[in-house]
């Protein structure tokens, strides 16, 4: 999955690690990740390709 931040900076929690995703940056999240949490509100564009 690819998360693209199209708004203000936000914080994402993934595997107990806090990651700041700056405005207009993107983050790759591996398919095996079970859960991610967005701590601060943001507008994210999510690209989630199918697994064949």
PDB file of N, CA and C in Angstrom:
ATOM      1  N   UNK A   1       0.854  -1.160   0.000  1.00  0.00           N
ATOM      2  CA  UNK A   1       0.000   0.000   0.000  1.00  0.00           C
ATOM      3  C   UNK A   1       0.903   1.227   0.000  1.00  0.00           C
ATOM      4  N   UNK A   2       0.476   2.254  -0.705  1.00  0.00           N
ATOM      5  CA  UNK A   2       1.201   3.520  -0.715  1.00  0.00           C
ATOM      6  C   UNK A   2       0.269   4.599  -0.188  1.00  0.00           C
ATOM      7  N   UNK A   3       0.730   5.327   0.835  1.00  0.00           N
ATOM      8  CA  UNK A   3      -0.025   6.437   1.395  1.00  0.00           C
ATOM      9  C   UNK A   3       0.617   7.730   0.924  1.00  0.00           C
ATOM     10  N   UNK A   4      -0.140   8.585   0.291  1.00  0.00           N
ATOM     11  CA  UNK A   4       0.349   9.883  -0.155  1.00  0.00           C
ATOM     12  C   UNK A   4      -0.388  10.965   0.616  1.00  0.00           C
ATOM     13  N   UNK A   5       0.357  11.803   1.307  1.00  0.00           N
ATOM     14  CA  UNK A   5      -0.220  12.849   2.131  1.00  0.00           C
ATOM     15  C   UNK A   5      -0.494  14.078   1.265  1.00  0.00           C
ATOM     16  N   UNK A   6      -1.760  14.425   1.098  1.00  0.00           N
ATOM     17  CA  UNK A   6      -2.125  15.559   0.252  1.00  0.00           C
ATOM     18  C   UNK A   6      -2.581  16.759   1.082  1.00  0.00           C
ATOM     19  N   UNK A   7      -2.309  16.709   2.389  1.00  0.00           N
ATOM     20  CA  UNK A   7      -2.710  17.798   3.278  1.00  0.00           C
ATOM     21  C   UNK A   7      -1.539  18.131   4.198  1.00  0.00           C
ATOM     22  N   UNK A   8      -1.801  18.566   5.411  1.00  0.00           N
ATOM     23  CA  UNK A   8      -0.748  18.944   6.350  1.00  0.00           C
ATOM     24  C   UNK A   8      -0.037  17.715   6.918  1.00  0.00           C
ATOM     25  N   UNK A   9       1.107  17.958   7.568  1.00  0.00           N
ATOM     26  CA  UNK A   9       1.884  16.870   8.165  1.00  0.00           C
ATOM     27  C   UNK A   9       1.010  16.028   9.084  1.00  0.00           C
ATOM     28  N   UNK A  10       1.276  14.731   9.127  1.00  0.00           N
ATOM     29  CA  UNK A  10       0.549  13.847  10.030  1.00  0.00           C
ATOM     30  C   UNK A  10       1.510  12.826  10.603  1.00  0.00           C
ATOM     31  N   UNK A  11       1.092  12.169  11.658  1.00  0.00           N
ATOM     32  CA  UNK A  11       1.891  11.128  12.298  1.00  0.00           C
ATOM     33  C   UNK A  11       1.184   9.796  12.129  1.00  0.00           C
ATOM     34  N   UNK A  12       1.943   8.802  11.691  1.00  0.00           N
ATOM     35  CA  UNK A  12       1.416   7.458  11.492  1.00  0.00           C
ATOM     36  C   UNK A  12       2.133   6.526  12.448  1.00  0.00           C
ATOM     37  N   UNK A  13       1.385   5.666  13.143  1.00  0.00           N
ATOM     38  CA  UNK A  13       1.978   4.680  14.034  1.00  0.00           C
ATOM     39  C   UNK A  13       1.918   3.332  13.332  1.00  0.00           C
ATOM     40  N   UNK A  14       3.081   2.705  13.243  1.00  0.00           N
ATOM     41  CA  UNK A  14       3.201   1.440  12.518  1.00  0.00           C
ATOM     42  C   UNK A  14       4.221   0.581  13.260  1.00  0.00           C
ATOM     43  N   UNK A  15       3.837  -0.575  13.713  1.00  0.00           N
ATOM     44  CA  UNK A  15       4.715  -1.472  14.480  1.00  0.00           C
ATOM     45  C   UNK A  15       5.320  -0.755  15.679  1.00  0.00           C
ATOM     46  N   UNK A  16       4.520  -0.003  16.413  1.00  0.00           N
ATOM     47  CA  UNK A  16       4.922   0.756  17.610  1.00  0.00           C
ATOM     48  C   UNK A  16       5.931   1.866  17.320  1.00  0.00           C
ATOM     49  N   UNK A  17       6.092   2.236  16.074  1.00  0.00           N
ATOM     50  CA  UNK A  17       7.005   3.321  15.692  1.00  0.00           C
ATOM     51  C   UNK A  17       6.193   4.481  15.131  1.00  0.00           C
ATOM     52  N   UNK A  18       6.503   5.703  15.574  1.00  0.00           N
ATOM     53  CA  UNK A  18       5.822   6.885  15.064  1.00  0.00           C
ATOM     54  C   UNK A  18       6.601   7.443  13.880  1.00  0.00           C
ATOM     55  N   UNK A  19       5.906   7.632  12.784  1.00  0.00           N
ATOM     56  CA  UNK A  19       6.518   8.137  11.552  1.00  0.00           C
ATOM     57  C   UNK A  19       5.794   9.420  11.163  1.00  0.00           C
ATOM     58  N   UNK A  20       6.543  10.501  11.019  1.00  0.00           N
ATOM     59  CA  UNK A  20       5.955  11.754  10.561  1.00  0.00           C
ATOM     60  C   UNK A  20       5.939  11.728   9.036  1.00  0.00           C
ATOM     61  N   UNK A  21       4.764  11.919   8.481  1.00  0.00           N
ATOM     62  CA  UNK A  21       4.611  11.961   7.029  1.00  0.00           C
ATOM     63  C   UNK A  21       4.351  13.408   6.636  1.00  0.00           C
ATOM     64  N   UNK A  22       5.381  14.092   6.115  1.00  0.00           N
ATOM     65  CA  UNK A  22       5.226  15.493   5.762  1.00  0.00           C
ATOM     66  C   UNK A  22       4.241  15.688   4.607  1.00  0.00           C
ATOM     67  N   UNK A  23       3.755  16.899   4.500  1.00  0.00           N
ATOM     68  CA  UNK A  23       2.830  17.262   3.425  1.00  0.00           C
ATOM     69  C   UNK A  23       3.460  16.939   2.073  1.00  0.00           C
ATOM     70  N   UNK A  24       2.702  16.315   1.198  1.00  0.00           N
ATOM     71  CA  UNK A  24       3.063  15.944  -0.174  1.00  0.00           C
ATOM     72  C   UNK A  24       4.088  14.817  -0.270  1.00  0.00           C
ATOM     73  N   UNK A  25       4.395  14.130   0.831  1.00  0.00           N
ATOM     74  CA  UNK A  25       5.274  12.970   0.780  1.00  0.00           C
ATOM     75  C   UNK A  25       4.439  11.700   0.753  1.00  0.00           C
ATOM     76  N   UNK A  26       5.111  10.586   0.441  1.00  0.00           N
ATOM     77  CA  UNK A  26       4.438   9.287   0.376  1.00  0.00           C
ATOM     78  C   UNK A  26       5.170   8.289   1.245  1.00  0.00           C
ATOM     79  N   UNK A  27       4.449   7.242   1.652  1.00  0.00           N
ATOM     80  CA  UNK A  27       5.005   6.198   2.496  1.00  0.00           C
ATOM     81  C   UNK A  27       4.562   4.854   1.936  1.00  0.00           C
ATOM     82  N   UNK A  28       5.506   3.943   1.779  1.00  0.00           N
ATOM     83  CA  UNK A  28       5.203   2.581   1.338  1.00  0.00           C
ATOM     84  C   UNK A  28       4.955   1.714   2.559  1.00  0.00           C
ATOM     85  N   UNK A  29       3.824   1.024   2.593  1.00  0.00           N
ATOM     86  CA  UNK A  29       3.482   0.120   3.689  1.00  0.00           C
ATOM     87  C   UNK A  29       3.450  -1.292   3.109  1.00  0.00           C
ATOM     88  N   UNK A  30       4.319  -2.194   3.584  1.00  0.00           N
ATOM     89  CA  UNK A  30       4.352  -3.558   3.056  1.00  0.00           C
ATOM     90  C   UNK A  30       3.012  -4.277   3.218  1.00  0.00           C
ATOM     91  N   UNK A  31       2.731  -5.190   2.329  1.00  0.00           N
ATOM     92  CA  UNK A  31       1.484  -5.942   2.325  1.00  0.00           C
ATOM     93  C   UNK A  31       1.280  -6.701   3.641  1.00  0.00           C
ATOM     94  N   UNK A  32       2.365  -7.170   4.251  1.00  0.00           N
ATOM     95  CA  UNK A  32       2.276  -7.975   5.467  1.00  0.00           C
ATOM     96  C   UNK A  32       1.906  -7.155   6.707  1.00  0.00           C
ATOM     97  N   UNK A  33       1.902  -5.843   6.618  1.00  0.00           N
ATOM     98  CA  UNK A  33       1.551  -5.015   7.777  1.00  0.00           C
ATOM     99  C   UNK A  33       0.095  -5.237   8.150  1.00  0.00           C
ATOM    100  N   UNK A  34      -0.144  -5.425   9.425  1.00  0.00           N
ATOM    101  CA  UNK A  34      -1.492  -5.723   9.876  1.00  0.00           C
ATOM    102  C   UNK A  34      -2.288  -4.468  10.202  1.00  0.00           C
ATOM    103  N   UNK A  35      -1.629  -3.461  10.812  1.00  0.00           N
ATOM    104  CA  UNK A  35      -2.374  -2.302  11.274  1.00  0.00           C
ATOM    105  C   UNK A  35      -1.497  -1.059  11.243  1.00  0.00           C
ATOM    106  N   UNK A  36      -2.060   0.035  10.750  1.00  0.00           N
ATOM    107  CA  UNK A  36      -1.423   1.336  10.857  1.00  0.00           C
ATOM    108  C   UNK A  36      -2.457   2.284  11.452  1.00  0.00           C
ATOM    109  N   UNK A  37      -1.995   3.276  12.188  1.00  0.00           N
ATOM    110  CA  UNK A  37      -2.874   4.231  12.835  1.00  0.00           C
ATOM    111  C   UNK A  37      -2.430   5.638  12.473  1.00  0.00           C
ATOM    112  N   UNK A  38      -3.369   6.491  12.107  1.00  0.00           N
ATOM    113  CA  UNK A  38      -3.081   7.889  11.835  1.00  0.00           C
ATOM    114  C   UNK A  38      -3.405   8.667  13.096  1.00  0.00           C
ATOM    115  N   UNK A  39      -2.372   9.250  13.724  1.00  0.00           N
ATOM    116  CA  UNK A  39      -2.572   9.940  14.997  1.00  0.00           C
ATOM    117  C   UNK A  39      -3.190  11.318  14.824  1.00  0.00           C
ATOM    118  N   UNK A  40      -2.772  12.053  13.813  1.00  0.00           N
ATOM    119  CA  UNK A  40      -3.301  13.387  13.585  1.00  0.00           C
ATOM    120  C   UNK A  40      -4.083  13.356  12.282  1.00  0.00           C
ATOM    121  N   UNK A  41      -5.162  14.093  12.237  1.00  0.00           N
ATOM    122  CA  UNK A  41      -5.995  14.096  11.043  1.00  0.00           C
ATOM    123  C   UNK A  41      -5.232  14.569   9.816  1.00  0.00           C
ATOM    124  N   UNK A  42      -5.501  13.950   8.706  1.00  0.00           N
ATOM    125  CA  UNK A  42      -4.863  14.315   7.435  1.00  0.00           C
ATOM    126  C   UNK A  42      -5.714  13.771   6.298  1.00  0.00           C
ATOM    127  N   UNK A  43      -5.439  14.236   5.128  1.00  0.00           N
ATOM    128  CA  UNK A  43      -6.071  13.696   3.923  1.00  0.00           C
ATOM    129  C   UNK A  43      -5.018  12.872   3.202  1.00  0.00           C
ATOM    130  N   UNK A  44      -5.264  11.570   3.130  1.00  0.00           N
ATOM    131  CA  UNK A  44      -4.316  10.659   2.502  1.00  0.00           C
ATOM    132  C   UNK A  44      -4.936  10.028   1.266  1.00  0.00           C
ATOM    133  N   UNK A  45      -4.127   9.894   0.247  1.00  0.00           N
ATOM    134  CA  UNK A  45      -4.510   9.158  -0.946  1.00  0.00           C
ATOM    135  C   UNK A  45      -3.915   7.769  -0.786  1.00  0.00           C
ATOM    136  N   UNK A  46      -4.750   6.741  -0.829  1.00  0.00           N
ATOM    137  CA  UNK A  46      -4.313   5.366  -0.608  1.00  0.00           C
ATOM    138  C   UNK A  46      -4.305   4.612  -1.924  1.00  0.00           C
ATOM    139  N   UNK A  47      -3.141   4.061  -2.275  1.00  0.00           N
ATOM    140  CA  UNK A  47      -3.024   3.209  -3.451  1.00  0.00           C
ATOM    141  C   UNK A  47      -2.801   1.793  -2.944  1.00  0.00           C
ATOM    142  N   UNK A  48      -3.745   0.918  -3.246  1.00  0.00           N
ATOM    143  CA  UNK A  48      -3.694  -0.440  -2.726  1.00  0.00           C
ATOM    144  C   UNK A  48      -3.848  -1.425  -3.873  1.00  0.00           C
ATOM    145  N   UNK A  49      -2.719  -1.809  -4.497  1.00  0.00           N
ATOM    146  CA  UNK A  49      -2.826  -2.751  -5.616  1.00  0.00           C
ATOM    147  C   UNK A  49      -3.290  -4.128  -5.156  1.00  0.00           C
ATOM    148  N   UNK A  50      -3.921  -4.838  -6.033  1.00  0.00           N
ATOM    149  CA  UNK A  50      -4.400  -6.185  -5.715  1.00  0.00           C
ATOM    150  C   UNK A  50      -3.225  -7.153  -5.601  1.00  0.00           C
ATOM    151  N   UNK A  51      -3.400  -8.136  -4.756  1.00  0.00           N
ATOM    152  CA  UNK A  51      -2.414  -9.208  -4.657  1.00  0.00           C
ATOM    153  C   UNK A  51      -2.955 -10.380  -5.477  1.00  0.00           C
ATOM    154  N   UNK A  52      -2.247 -10.738  -6.523  1.00  0.00           N
ATOM    155  CA  UNK A  52      -2.688 -11.848  -7.383  1.00  0.00           C
ATOM    156  C   UNK A  52      -1.948 -13.113  -7.081  1.00  0.00           C
TER     157      UNK A  52
END
